[in-house]
Amino acid sequence: MAVEVQQRALVTGGAGFLGSFLCERLIEDGRDVVCVDNFFTGRKRNIAHLMSNPNFEVLRHDVTIPLYLEVDEIYNLACPASPVHYQYDPVSTTKTSVHGAINMLGLAKRTKARIFQASTSEVYGDPLVHPQREDYWGHVNPIGPRSCYDEGKRCAETLFFDYWRQFQLKIKVARIFNTYGPRMRPDDGRVVSNFIVQALMGQPITIYGDGTQTRSFCYVDDLIDGFIAMMHSPADMTGPINIGNPNEFKIGELAELVIELTNSRSEIVHKALPVNDPKQRQPDISLAKDALNWEPKVKLREGLVKTIAYFDGFLREKGAIGEDSAANLTSKRDERVS
């Protein structure tokens, strides 16, 4: 009688915002999960609830250093993803994307594992094509302050496809568009977390530029569904494939919605647009719909309510907002949603 062997999945960046949700989902799907993180931006609190699970283990490790494990699947998510963090040490950011990809691809080659690369919409740069399709090569500044992330991820994609062509590695490459949800860091500088924290604390909401630039926001649960669908797709579905929400919103519209849902009195202030900040960002997800039967389900308002509730609790726990204030915000928010 054959013994069924439990599949073992490695998640680099597993203690991060996206990685922690992915680890959860893989455990729910019956995987034995190894979470690897150097905890530069990942946090132990994101995975604390998984620590007692016998199918979960954590390894503090930097992916720029080779790793030797026996695994069946590799999800390579390791890399700071917000400008605040990836520009803090740009050389390390590039090394994480490039050396990390080389090391994980080497591990996949040795173990014959499928390997998933969490790429990014930043490979399109400040796009001249809208919405962005996977066959668009992008408009990226190779020497700007964002280049450590943009070009690092582009090089990682190059490595993945060279390993596929040269060694027939089983690769999966997904380009992530703006994602939000619980467990985002309050200090990561991303627009959703910035606006929510500022609104909850009664601070001015900072919009860089005139607020007409656009983004498309995908809730984390939808994104993880896309990851799983991509990893389990037929071998010839290598990607790259866009995973994101195609509904486009102006940054100014997002700010107004956050103010409404938090019942905040915050005022909106404008500051100069950062260098090379893209003016438009919207995925064409036709390929994901056709090849993966995937599309996002969570509406922005619904996802924001869940994300606001997380930050409300987090800030209250840290004493950044008072109990009365937090309770009032929660009550008012529930009235608006019901």
Protein backbone atom coordinates (compact mmCIF):
# COMPACT_ATOMS: atom_id res chain seq x y z
CA MET A 1 0.00 0.00 0.00
CA ALA A 2 1.46 3.34 -1.07
CA VAL A 3 2.09 5.89 1.66
CA GLU A 4 0.89 9.40 0.87
CA VAL A 5 3.72 11.87 1.44
CA GLN A 6 2.79 15.36 2.58
CA GLN A 7 3.94 18.06 0.17
CA ARG A 8 6.46 20.49 1.66
CA ALA A 9 6.32 24.14 0.66
CA LEU A 10 8.98 26.79 1.28
CA VAL A 11 7.84 30.41 1.56
CA THR A 12 10.60 33.02 1.55
CA GLY A 13 9.48 36.28 3.12
CA GLY A 14 6.93 34.13 4.96
CA ALA A 15 6.62 36.45 7.97
CA GLY A 16 5.72 39.42 5.81
CA PHE A 17 2.32 40.85 4.95
CA LEU A 18 1.66 38.58 1.97
CA GLY A 19 3.86 35.71 3.09
CA SER A 20 2.01 35.15 6.35
CA PHE A 21 -1.33 34.84 4.57
CA LEU A 22 0.24 32.46 2.07
CA CYS A 23 1.65 30.28 4.85
CA GLU A 24 -1.82 30.11 6.42
CA ARG A 25 -3.43 29.12 3.15
CA LEU A 26 -0.85 26.43 2.37
CA ILE A 27 -1.31 24.86 5.82
CA GLU A 28 -5.09 24.89 5.29
CA ASP A 29 -4.50 23.13 1.97
CA GLY A 30 -2.56 20.35 3.71
CA ARG A 31 1.00 21.48 3.07
CA ASP A 32 3.94 21.20 5.45
CA VAL A 33 5.24 24.79 5.41
CA VAL A 34 8.73 26.15 6.01
CA CYS A 35 8.69 29.92 6.54
CA VAL A 36 12.01 31.64 5.79
CA ASP A 37 12.50 35.29 6.73
CA ASN A 38 15.32 37.56 7.85
CA PHE A 39 12.76 39.76 9.66
CA PHE A 40 13.89 43.01 8.07
CA THR A 41 10.29 43.87 7.21
CA GLY A 42 8.60 40.63 8.28
CA ARG A 43 7.24 40.44 11.81
CA LYS A 44 6.88 37.60 14.28
CA ARG A 45 3.39 38.77 15.22
CA ASN A 46 2.23 37.95 11.67
CA ILE A 47 2.96 34.26 12.18
CA ALA A 48 2.63 33.92 15.96
CA HIS A 49 -0.71 32.12 15.61
CA LEU A 50 0.92 29.49 13.39
CA MET A 51 3.84 28.64 15.69
CA SER A 52 2.03 25.82 17.52
CA ASN A 53 0.91 24.16 14.29
CA PRO A 54 2.87 20.93 13.71
CA ASN A 55 2.88 21.60 9.96
CA PHE A 56 4.65 24.94 10.32
CA GLU A 57 8.27 25.83 11.04
CA VAL A 58 10.26 29.05 10.89
CA LEU A 59 13.85 29.59 9.82
CA ARG A 60 15.57 32.96 10.26
CA HIS A 61 17.61 33.20 7.09
CA ASP A 62 18.59 35.72 4.42
CA VAL A 63 17.92 34.46 0.89
CA THR A 64 21.12 36.10 -0.39
CA ILE A 65 22.83 33.14 1.30
CA PRO A 66 22.27 29.66 -0.21
CA LEU A 67 19.76 27.44 1.56
CA TYR A 68 19.70 23.64 1.57
CA LEU A 69 16.34 22.00 2.22
CA GLU A 70 14.19 19.27 0.71
CA VAL A 71 11.02 20.85 -0.66
CA ASP A 72 8.38 20.25 -3.32
CA GLU A 73 7.28 23.86 -3.88
CA ILE A 74 9.03 27.20 -3.46
CA TYR A 75 7.24 30.53 -3.20
CA ASN A 76 9.86 33.29 -3.48
CA LEU A 77 8.36 36.39 -1.86
CA ALA A 78 11.47 37.69 -0.08
CA CYS A 79 12.13 41.39 -0.76
CA PRO A 80 11.11 44.69 0.82
CA ALA A 81 8.13 45.88 -1.23
CA SER A 82 7.43 49.44 -0.12
CA PRO A 83 9.54 52.43 -1.22
CA VAL A 84 10.30 53.38 2.38
CA HIS A 85 11.87 49.99 3.04
CA TYR A 86 13.44 49.09 -0.29
CA GLN A 87 15.11 52.50 -0.57
CA TYR A 88 16.52 52.25 2.97
CA ASP A 89 19.27 49.92 1.74
CA PRO A 90 19.03 49.84 -2.07
CA VAL A 91 22.09 47.64 -2.54
CA SER A 92 20.61 45.02 -0.22
CA THR A 93 17.28 45.29 -2.06
CA THR A 94 18.90 44.52 -5.40
CA LYS A 95 20.90 41.67 -3.88
CA THR A 96 17.75 40.20 -2.33
CA SER A 97 15.98 40.15 -5.69
CA VAL A 98 18.93 38.93 -7.77
CA HIS A 99 21.01 36.76 -5.42
CA GLY A 100 17.83 35.55 -3.74
CA ALA A 101 16.43 34.44 -7.09
CA ILE A 102 19.67 32.67 -8.00
CA ASN A 103 19.74 30.81 -4.68
CA MET A 104 16.08 29.78 -4.80
CA LEU A 105 16.35 28.72 -8.44
CA GLY A 106 19.40 26.65 -7.53
CA LEU A 107 17.41 25.00 -4.74
CA ALA A 108 14.53 24.30 -7.14
CA LYS A 109 16.95 22.83 -9.68
CA ARG A 110 18.46 20.48 -7.10
CA THR A 111 15.15 19.36 -5.59
CA LYS A 112 13.15 19.46 -8.86
CA ALA A 113 10.60 21.67 -7.12
CA ARG A 114 8.13 24.00 -8.74
CA ILE A 115 9.12 27.59 -8.01
CA PHE A 116 6.92 30.68 -7.89
CA GLN A 117 8.33 34.20 -8.24
CA ALA A 118 6.43 37.08 -6.68
CA SER A 119 7.25 39.74 -9.23
CA THR A 120 5.63 43.14 -9.36
CA SER A 121 3.79 45.65 -11.48
CA GLU A 122 6.82 47.86 -10.91
CA VAL A 123 8.48 46.03 -13.81
CA TYR A 124 6.24 48.22 -16.01
CA GLY A 125 7.69 51.39 -14.47
CA ASP A 126 5.77 54.58 -15.31
CA PRO A 127 3.82 52.89 -18.10
CA LEU A 128 3.17 54.35 -21.54
CA VAL A 129 0.59 51.60 -22.17
CA HIS A 130 -2.66 51.49 -20.19
CA PRO A 131 -3.89 49.14 -18.84
CA GLN A 132 -0.74 47.06 -18.57
CA ARG A 133 -0.60 43.72 -20.39
CA GLU A 134 2.01 41.06 -19.80
CA ASP A 135 3.51 41.58 -23.27
CA TYR A 136 4.34 45.22 -22.47
CA TRP A 137 8.07 45.59 -21.77
CA GLY A 138 7.74 48.62 -19.53
CA HIS A 139 9.11 52.14 -19.16
CA VAL A 140 11.62 51.96 -16.31
CA ASN A 141 14.40 54.30 -15.21
CA PRO A 142 17.40 51.99 -14.62
CA ILE A 143 19.33 54.51 -12.47
CA GLY A 144 16.63 56.21 -10.38
CA PRO A 145 15.88 55.89 -6.65
CA ARG A 146 13.27 53.17 -7.31
CA SER A 147 15.55 51.19 -9.63
CA CYS A 148 16.88 48.90 -6.90
CA TYR A 149 13.41 47.37 -6.67
CA ASP A 150 12.16 47.79 -10.25
CA GLU A 151 15.30 46.51 -11.95
CA GLY A 152 15.98 43.90 -9.27
CA LYS A 153 12.59 42.35 -9.95
CA ARG A 154 13.09 42.61 -13.72
CA CYS A 155 16.42 40.81 -13.42
CA ALA A 156 14.80 38.14 -11.25
CA GLU A 157 12.28 37.50 -14.01
CA THR A 158 15.15 37.20 -16.51
CA LEU A 159 16.82 34.59 -14.29
CA PHE A 160 13.61 32.61 -13.92
CA PHE A 161 13.07 32.38 -17.65
CA ASP A 162 16.71 31.57 -18.34
CA TYR A 163 16.54 28.70 -15.83
CA TRP A 164 13.32 27.55 -17.54
CA ARG A 165 14.91 27.64 -20.99
CA GLN A 166 18.29 26.23 -19.99
CA PHE A 167 17.33 23.70 -17.30
CA GLN A 168 13.59 23.14 -17.97
CA LEU A 169 12.81 24.33 -14.44
CA LYS A 170 9.12 24.39 -13.50
CA ILE A 171 8.66 28.14 -13.02
CA LYS A 172 5.66 30.34 -12.23
CA VAL A 173 6.00 34.14 -12.44
CA ALA A 174 3.24 36.46 -11.20
CA ARG A 175 3.27 40.25 -11.34
CA ILE A 176 1.59 41.66 -8.24
CA PHE A 177 -0.35 44.91 -8.42
CA ASN A 178 -1.12 47.07 -5.37
CA THR A 179 -2.31 44.79 -2.59
CA TYR A 180 -3.72 45.74 0.80
CA GLY A 181 -5.23 44.14 3.87
CA PRO A 182 -4.58 43.30 7.53
CA ARG A 183 -0.94 42.87 8.65
CA MET A 184 0.36 45.68 6.48
CA ARG A 185 2.96 47.61 8.42
CA PRO A 186 1.77 51.03 9.60
CA ASP A 187 5.16 52.52 8.67
CA ASP A 188 5.55 51.00 5.20
CA GLY A 189 4.69 54.19 3.33
CA ARG A 190 2.10 52.55 1.06
CA VAL A 191 -0.90 54.62 0.22
CA VAL A 192 -3.58 52.43 1.85
CA SER A 193 -1.78 52.01 5.18
CA ASN A 194 -0.70 55.67 5.17
CA PHE A 195 -4.23 56.96 4.66
CA ILE A 196 -5.81 54.61 7.21
CA VAL A 197 -3.28 55.31 9.96
CA GLN A 198 -3.43 59.06 9.37
CA ALA A 199 -7.24 59.01 9.40
CA LEU A 200 -7.50 56.92 12.56
CA MET A 201 -5.02 59.17 14.36
CA GLY A 202 -6.70 62.36 13.16
CA GLN A 203 -3.60 63.47 11.28
CA PRO A 204 -3.61 65.24 7.89
CA ILE A 205 -3.89 62.73 5.05
CA THR A 206 -0.90 63.17 2.77
CA ILE A 207 -1.40 62.91 -0.97
CA TYR A 208 1.72 63.09 -3.10
CA GLY A 209 0.88 64.96 -6.29
CA ASP A 210 -2.57 66.30 -7.16
CA GLY A 211 -4.38 63.05 -6.37
CA THR A 212 -5.38 62.29 -9.96
CA GLN A 213 -2.80 59.52 -10.34
CA THR A 214 -4.44 56.10 -10.27
CA ARG A 215 -3.92 52.73 -8.65
CA SER A 216 -5.81 49.42 -8.66
CA PHE A 217 -6.18 47.84 -5.23
CA CYS A 218 -6.40 44.07 -4.71
CA TYR A 219 -7.41 42.62 -1.34
CA VAL A 220 -4.92 40.13 0.08
CA ASP A 221 -7.30 37.13 0.09
CA ASP A 222 -7.90 37.52 -3.63
CA LEU A 223 -4.18 37.78 -4.30
CA ILE A 224 -3.41 34.58 -2.39
CA ASP A 225 -6.10 32.77 -4.38
CA GLY A 226 -4.27 33.94 -7.50
CA PHE A 227 -0.93 32.66 -6.19
CA ILE A 228 -2.35 29.20 -5.51
CA ALA A 229 -4.11 29.04 -8.86
CA MET A 230 -0.89 30.00 -10.65
CA MET A 231 1.25 27.46 -8.79
CA HIS A 232 -1.21 24.66 -9.59
CA SER A 233 -1.67 25.64 -13.24
CA PRO A 234 -0.37 23.39 -16.07
CA ALA A 235 3.42 23.24 -16.46
CA ASP A 236 3.39 25.28 -19.67
CA MET A 237 1.71 28.19 -17.84
CA THR A 238 4.95 29.87 -16.80
CA GLY A 239 3.71 33.45 -16.86
CA PRO A 240 4.45 36.21 -16.39
CA ILE A 241 0.86 36.82 -15.41
CA ASN A 242 -0.78 39.88 -13.86
CA ILE A 243 -2.46 39.27 -10.49
CA GLY A 244 -4.37 42.32 -9.33
CA ASN A 245 -7.70 44.11 -9.33
CA PRO A 246 -8.47 45.92 -12.59
CA ASN A 247 -10.81 48.46 -10.96
CA GLU A 248 -8.93 51.74 -11.13
CA PHE A 249 -9.21 54.49 -8.51
CA LYS A 250 -7.76 57.96 -8.22
CA ILE A 251 -5.63 58.46 -5.12
CA GLY A 252 -7.85 61.37 -4.16
CA GLU A 253 -10.91 59.10 -4.31
CA LEU A 254 -9.20 56.61 -2.03
CA ALA A 255 -8.45 59.32 0.52
CA GLU A 256 -12.09 60.45 0.58
CA LEU A 257 -13.31 56.87 1.01
CA VAL A 258 -10.92 56.22 3.91
CA ILE A 259 -12.09 59.43 5.61
CA GLU A 260 -15.70 58.30 5.19
CA LEU A 261 -15.16 54.77 6.52
CA THR A 262 -13.15 55.92 9.55
CA ASN A 263 -15.47 58.85 10.31
CA SER A 264 -12.29 60.91 10.48
CA ARG A 265 -11.96 64.68 10.56
CA SER A 266 -8.56 64.54 8.89
CA GLU A 267 -7.84 67.12 6.24
CA ILE A 268 -6.14 66.30 2.96
CA VAL A 269 -2.77 67.93 2.26
CA HIS A 270 -0.72 67.70 -0.92
CA LYS A 271 3.02 67.24 -1.29
CA ALA A 272 5.36 66.89 -4.26
CA LEU A 273 5.18 63.65 -6.24
CA PRO A 274 8.22 61.37 -5.62
CA VAL A 275 10.71 60.79 -8.45
CA ASN A 276 9.59 58.18 -11.02
CA ASP A 277 6.30 57.59 -9.21
CA PRO A 278 3.96 56.03 -11.82
CA LYS A 279 0.94 58.11 -12.83
CA GLN A 280 -1.22 55.14 -13.78
CA ARG A 281 -1.33 51.55 -12.64
CA GLN A 282 -4.02 49.13 -13.80
CA PRO A 283 -3.62 45.44 -14.69
CA ASP A 284 -5.10 43.77 -17.70
CA ILE A 285 -6.07 40.42 -16.13
CA SER A 286 -7.45 38.76 -19.27
CA LEU A 287 -4.75 36.10 -19.11
CA ALA A 288 -5.47 35.30 -15.46
CA LYS A 289 -9.17 34.97 -16.22
CA ASP A 290 -8.58 32.68 -19.20
CA ALA A 291 -5.65 30.58 -17.97
CA LEU A 292 -6.37 30.40 -14.22
CA ASN A 293 -10.11 31.05 -14.06
CA TRP A 294 -9.19 33.72 -11.51
CA GLU A 295 -10.41 37.23 -10.87
CA PRO A 296 -10.72 39.27 -7.66
CA LYS A 297 -13.97 39.18 -5.71
CA VAL A 298 -13.51 41.61 -2.81
CA LYS A 299 -14.72 45.15 -3.48
CA LEU A 300 -12.55 48.06 -2.31
CA ARG A 301 -15.04 49.26 0.30
CA GLU A 302 -15.36 45.76 1.80
CA GLY A 303 -11.60 45.25 1.90
CA LEU A 304 -10.97 48.66 3.42
CA VAL A 305 -13.43 47.97 6.24
CA LYS A 306 -11.47 44.83 7.18
CA THR A 307 -8.14 46.64 6.89
CA ILE A 308 -9.34 49.60 8.95
CA ALA A 309 -10.54 47.22 11.68
CA TYR A 310 -7.05 45.68 11.80
CA PHE A 311 -5.27 49.03 12.11
CA ASP A 312 -7.86 50.25 14.61
CA GLY A 313 -7.02 47.31 16.87
CA PHE A 314 -3.29 47.57 16.24
CA LEU A 315 -3.11 51.29 17.08
CA ARG A 316 -5.30 50.83 20.13
CA GLU A 317 -3.00 48.03 21.34
CA LYS A 318 0.01 50.32 20.89
CA GLY A 319 -1.73 53.19 22.68
CA ALA A 320 -1.55 55.41 19.60
CA ILE A 321 -5.28 56.14 19.79
CA GLY A 322 -7.51 56.13 22.86
CA GLU A 323 -10.09 53.49 23.68
CA ASP A 324 -13.01 55.91 23.36
CA SER A 325 -11.75 57.23 20.06
CA ALA A 326 -11.14 53.77 18.64
CA ALA A 327 -14.50 52.47 19.82
CA ASN A 328 -16.28 55.47 18.32
CA LEU A 329 -14.50 55.03 14.99
CA THR A 330 -15.40 51.34 14.94
CA SER A 331 -19.04 52.06 15.77
CA LYS A 332 -19.36 54.77 13.14
CA ARG A 333 -17.63 52.60 10.57
CA ASP A 334 -20.02 49.69 11.21
CA GLU A 335 -23.00 52.04 10.83
CA ARG A 336 -21.73 53.19 7.43
CA VAL A 337 -21.14 49.66 6.16
CA SER A 338 -24.36 48.05 7.43
